[in-house]
Amino acid sequence: MSGPGRRVVLATRNAHKTGELRAVLAPLLPDVEVLGLDAFEDVPEVAETGVTFAENALLKARAVAAATGVPAVADDSGIAVDVLGGAPGIFSARWSGRHGDDGANLALLLAQVADVPAEHRGAAFVCAAALALPGGGEAVRTGELRGRLTSAPAGGGGFGYDPVFVPEGSSRTLAEHTAAEKNAVSHRARAFTALAPLVADALAGRPIPGAGGSEPPG
């Protein structure tokens, strides 16, 4: 049972992401109530105008913490393909020009690397997880999952680029992993696992690294 003030809000209305983050954070913060942004219907969408994952995550966390008066955590994440110079990167969700159109994004990315040999199809999922407090204080932690792109989608789980990404050490795409398997290795899980102790410190009233500014990703 969460105590007074033991609440954080996820700065997203993406149902897939909300479910995944709750599953990741629940065992790390067992006494904390993790709210979705759907509990605050009047909070407007936050424009992702940053040029890095960390900047976008902080923009969302700051805005939601200020609007709700509740400590907020947010992430910005995407896929970085080696032969594309790290693209789609921060534009992953709208790579095809239509935000959140997973099918179109996948199709475009696969077309762009269609002639690239398997040994050069390296990629990484990258996530920046941010914490912002209503009264000031913030921190960022990052997570990365290396792997490679497939030539065609496989699997019915996950979301986004999961059906075309095989993590290092695996022969299956993330979409072929169970939710528990994915949460054990994902870039998002790694970033939020690193951020969770700072959330716990903040909720306990202890100072967090980067109070008044962002902690360098690590």
Protein backbone atom coordinates (compact mmCIF):
# COMPACT_ATOMS: atom_id res chain seq x y z
CA MET A 1 0.00 0.00 0.00
CA SER A 2 1.51 3.31 -1.01
CA GLY A 3 1.78 5.98 1.64
CA PRO A 4 1.02 9.69 1.35
CA GLY A 5 3.17 11.30 -1.27
CA ARG A 6 4.44 7.95 -2.50
CA ARG A 7 3.28 8.54 -6.04
CA VAL A 8 4.93 9.12 -9.38
CA VAL A 9 3.27 9.78 -12.71
CA LEU A 10 4.40 8.38 -16.03
CA ALA A 11 4.58 11.17 -18.59
CA THR A 12 3.00 9.19 -21.42
CA ARG A 13 -0.41 8.24 -22.75
CA ASN A 14 1.00 5.38 -24.81
CA ALA A 15 -0.80 2.34 -23.40
CA HIS A 16 1.95 -0.09 -24.47
CA LYS A 17 4.65 2.02 -22.83
CA THR A 18 2.60 2.62 -19.67
CA GLY A 19 2.10 -1.11 -19.19
CA GLU A 20 5.75 -1.89 -19.82
CA LEU A 21 7.01 0.80 -17.45
CA ARG A 22 4.63 -0.23 -14.68
CA ALA A 23 5.88 -3.81 -15.01
CA VAL A 24 9.48 -2.63 -14.81
CA LEU A 25 8.99 -0.20 -11.91
CA ALA A 26 6.63 -2.27 -9.73
CA PRO A 27 9.31 -4.60 -8.27
CA LEU A 28 11.82 -1.76 -8.02
CA LEU A 29 9.45 0.61 -6.20
CA PRO A 30 7.02 -1.74 -4.43
CA ASP A 31 5.57 0.90 -2.10
CA VAL A 32 5.04 3.52 -4.80
CA GLU A 33 1.81 4.15 -6.69
CA VAL A 34 2.68 4.51 -10.38
CA LEU A 35 0.05 6.66 -12.07
CA GLY A 36 -0.57 6.92 -15.78
CA LEU A 37 -1.06 10.27 -17.44
CA ASP A 38 -4.65 9.24 -18.13
CA ALA A 39 -5.28 10.14 -14.48
CA PHE A 40 -4.63 13.77 -15.43
CA GLU A 41 -6.77 14.37 -18.49
CA ASP A 42 -6.19 18.14 -18.55
CA VAL A 43 -2.42 17.87 -18.93
CA PRO A 44 -1.59 18.75 -22.55
CA GLU A 45 0.74 16.79 -24.79
CA VAL A 46 4.33 17.98 -24.57
CA ALA A 47 6.12 18.83 -27.81
CA GLU A 48 9.34 16.84 -28.21
CA THR A 49 11.53 19.68 -29.44
CA GLY A 50 14.83 18.40 -28.06
CA VAL A 51 17.62 17.10 -30.24
CA THR A 52 18.60 14.19 -27.99
CA PHE A 53 16.72 11.45 -26.16
CA ALA A 54 17.73 13.00 -22.82
CA GLU A 55 16.45 16.46 -23.76
CA ASN A 56 13.08 15.11 -24.87
CA ALA A 57 12.68 12.95 -21.77
CA LEU A 58 13.42 15.92 -19.52
CA LEU A 59 11.02 18.17 -21.42
CA LYS A 60 8.19 15.73 -20.80
CA ALA A 61 9.06 15.00 -17.17
CA ARG A 62 9.41 18.69 -16.27
CA ALA A 63 6.13 19.68 -17.91
CA VAL A 64 4.14 16.86 -16.33
CA ALA A 65 5.64 17.41 -12.86
CA ALA A 66 4.80 21.12 -13.07
CA ALA A 67 1.25 20.46 -14.32
CA THR A 68 0.35 17.71 -11.85
CA GLY A 69 2.36 18.58 -8.74
CA VAL A 70 3.50 14.95 -8.66
CA PRO A 71 7.04 13.70 -9.32
CA ALA A 72 7.13 12.64 -12.95
CA VAL A 73 9.18 10.13 -14.89
CA ALA A 74 9.40 10.12 -18.65
CA ASP A 75 11.39 8.47 -21.35
CA ASP A 76 12.39 9.10 -24.89
CA SER A 77 13.60 6.12 -26.82
CA GLY A 78 14.16 4.79 -30.28
CA ILE A 79 16.28 2.68 -32.53
CA ALA A 80 19.68 3.73 -33.84
CA VAL A 81 20.86 1.86 -36.94
CA ASP A 82 24.61 1.76 -37.53
CA VAL A 83 24.59 2.08 -41.34
CA LEU A 84 22.12 4.97 -41.11
CA GLY A 85 24.44 6.96 -38.89
CA GLY A 86 22.28 6.41 -35.81
CA ALA A 87 18.96 7.16 -37.51
CA PRO A 88 16.02 7.01 -37.01
CA GLY A 89 17.09 7.97 -33.47
CA ILE A 90 14.81 10.58 -31.90
CA PHE A 91 12.61 10.42 -35.01
CA SER A 92 11.87 6.70 -34.58
CA ALA A 93 8.18 7.13 -33.77
CA ARG A 94 7.58 9.29 -36.84
CA TRP A 95 10.18 7.96 -39.26
CA SER A 96 7.60 7.43 -42.00
CA GLY A 97 6.12 10.89 -41.44
CA ARG A 98 3.12 9.69 -39.45
CA HIS A 99 3.66 9.62 -35.68
CA GLY A 100 3.05 6.22 -34.15
CA ASP A 101 2.41 4.36 -37.43
CA ASP A 102 4.40 1.25 -36.53
CA GLY A 103 3.68 -0.58 -39.78
CA ALA A 104 4.78 2.31 -41.99
CA ASN A 105 7.87 2.98 -39.86
CA LEU A 106 8.93 -0.67 -40.06
CA ALA A 107 8.36 -0.85 -43.79
CA LEU A 108 10.41 2.28 -44.47
CA LEU A 109 13.30 1.19 -42.25
CA LEU A 110 13.48 -2.26 -43.82
CA ALA A 111 13.40 -0.75 -47.30
CA GLN A 112 16.29 1.56 -46.40
CA VAL A 113 18.52 -1.35 -45.34
CA ALA A 114 17.22 -3.94 -47.80
CA ASP A 115 20.55 -4.26 -49.61
CA VAL A 116 22.70 -4.21 -46.46
CA PRO A 117 24.32 -7.59 -45.68
CA ALA A 118 23.30 -9.26 -42.43
CA GLU A 119 26.71 -8.69 -40.85
CA HIS A 120 26.32 -4.93 -41.25
CA ARG A 121 22.77 -4.61 -39.92
CA GLY A 122 23.83 -3.71 -36.39
CA ALA A 123 21.53 -1.47 -34.37
CA ALA A 124 20.72 -0.47 -30.83
CA PHE A 125 17.60 0.42 -28.93
CA VAL A 126 18.37 3.48 -26.79
CA CYS A 127 16.36 4.96 -23.93
CA ALA A 128 16.80 8.04 -21.77
CA ALA A 129 14.72 7.95 -18.57
CA ALA A 130 14.16 11.22 -16.73
CA LEU A 131 12.87 12.17 -13.28
CA ALA A 132 11.61 15.67 -12.52
CA LEU A 133 10.28 16.96 -9.20
CA PRO A 134 7.57 19.63 -8.93
CA GLY A 135 9.76 21.77 -6.67
CA GLY A 136 12.88 21.38 -8.77
CA GLY A 137 15.48 18.69 -9.10
CA GLU A 138 15.90 16.25 -11.95
CA ALA A 139 18.06 13.42 -13.20
CA VAL A 140 18.53 11.31 -16.30
CA ARG A 141 19.74 7.75 -16.76
CA THR A 142 20.22 5.92 -20.05
CA GLY A 143 19.97 2.33 -21.21
CA GLU A 144 20.98 0.60 -24.42
CA LEU A 145 20.30 -2.80 -25.97
CA ARG A 146 22.54 -3.83 -28.86
CA GLY A 147 21.40 -6.18 -31.59
CA ARG A 148 20.72 -6.44 -35.30
CA LEU A 149 17.91 -5.85 -37.76
CA THR A 150 16.16 -8.73 -39.46
CA SER A 151 15.04 -8.70 -43.09
CA ALA A 152 11.36 -9.15 -42.23
CA PRO A 153 9.13 -8.72 -39.15
CA ALA A 154 8.64 -11.70 -36.85
CA GLY A 155 6.56 -12.16 -33.70
CA GLY A 156 3.30 -10.80 -32.39
CA GLY A 157 4.42 -9.22 -29.13
CA GLY A 158 5.96 -5.91 -28.22
CA PHE A 159 5.44 -2.76 -30.25
CA GLY A 160 7.34 -0.28 -32.38
CA TYR A 161 10.42 -1.80 -33.98
CA ASP A 162 10.40 -4.93 -31.78
CA PRO A 163 9.42 -7.27 -34.68
CA VAL A 164 12.61 -6.47 -36.65
CA PHE A 165 15.18 -6.35 -33.82
CA VAL A 166 17.11 -9.36 -32.52
CA PRO A 167 19.07 -8.64 -29.31
CA GLU A 168 22.67 -9.77 -29.02
CA GLY A 169 22.84 -13.32 -27.73
CA SER A 170 19.36 -14.19 -29.01
CA SER A 171 17.97 -15.72 -32.18
CA ARG A 172 14.51 -14.22 -31.70
CA THR A 173 13.16 -10.74 -32.26
CA LEU A 174 11.96 -8.78 -29.25
CA ALA A 175 8.42 -9.33 -30.55
CA GLU A 176 9.03 -13.07 -30.12
CA HIS A 177 10.05 -12.60 -26.48
CA THR A 178 7.54 -12.79 -23.66
CA ALA A 179 6.86 -9.56 -21.80
CA ALA A 180 8.92 -10.83 -18.86
CA GLU A 181 11.83 -11.76 -21.12
CA LYS A 182 11.77 -8.36 -22.80
CA ASN A 183 11.55 -6.48 -19.51
CA ALA A 184 14.62 -8.34 -18.26
CA VAL A 185 16.85 -7.02 -21.05
CA SER A 186 15.24 -4.02 -22.75
CA HIS A 187 16.83 -0.59 -23.09
CA ARG A 188 13.83 0.89 -21.28
CA ALA A 189 14.17 -1.56 -18.39
CA ARG A 190 17.88 -0.80 -18.09
CA ALA A 191 17.32 2.96 -18.03
CA PHE A 192 14.49 2.85 -15.49
CA THR A 193 16.31 0.30 -13.31
CA ALA A 194 19.12 2.85 -13.04
CA LEU A 195 16.65 5.68 -12.37
CA ALA A 196 14.55 3.86 -9.75
CA PRO A 197 16.92 4.46 -6.79
CA LEU A 198 16.81 8.18 -7.49
CA VAL A 199 13.00 8.08 -7.54
CA ALA A 200 13.06 6.31 -4.18
CA ASP A 201 15.44 8.92 -2.77
CA ALA A 202 13.27 11.76 -4.03
CA LEU A 203 10.09 10.31 -2.55
CA ALA A 204 11.85 9.80 0.78
CA GLY A 205 12.88 13.45 0.80
CA ARG A 206 16.54 12.73 0.22
CA PRO A 207 18.48 14.90 -2.23
CA ILE A 208 19.04 13.39 -5.64
CA PRO A 209 22.07 13.83 -7.86
CA GLY A 210 21.55 16.72 -10.23
CA ALA A 211 19.12 18.63 -8.01
CA GLY A 212 18.35 21.75 -9.97
CA GLY A 213 19.90 20.25 -13.09
CA SER A 214 20.24 17.01 -14.99
CA GLU A 215 22.62 14.25 -13.99
CA PRO A 216 24.87 13.20 -16.86
CA PRO A 217 23.60 10.00 -18.44
CA GLY A 218 25.28 6.89 -17.16
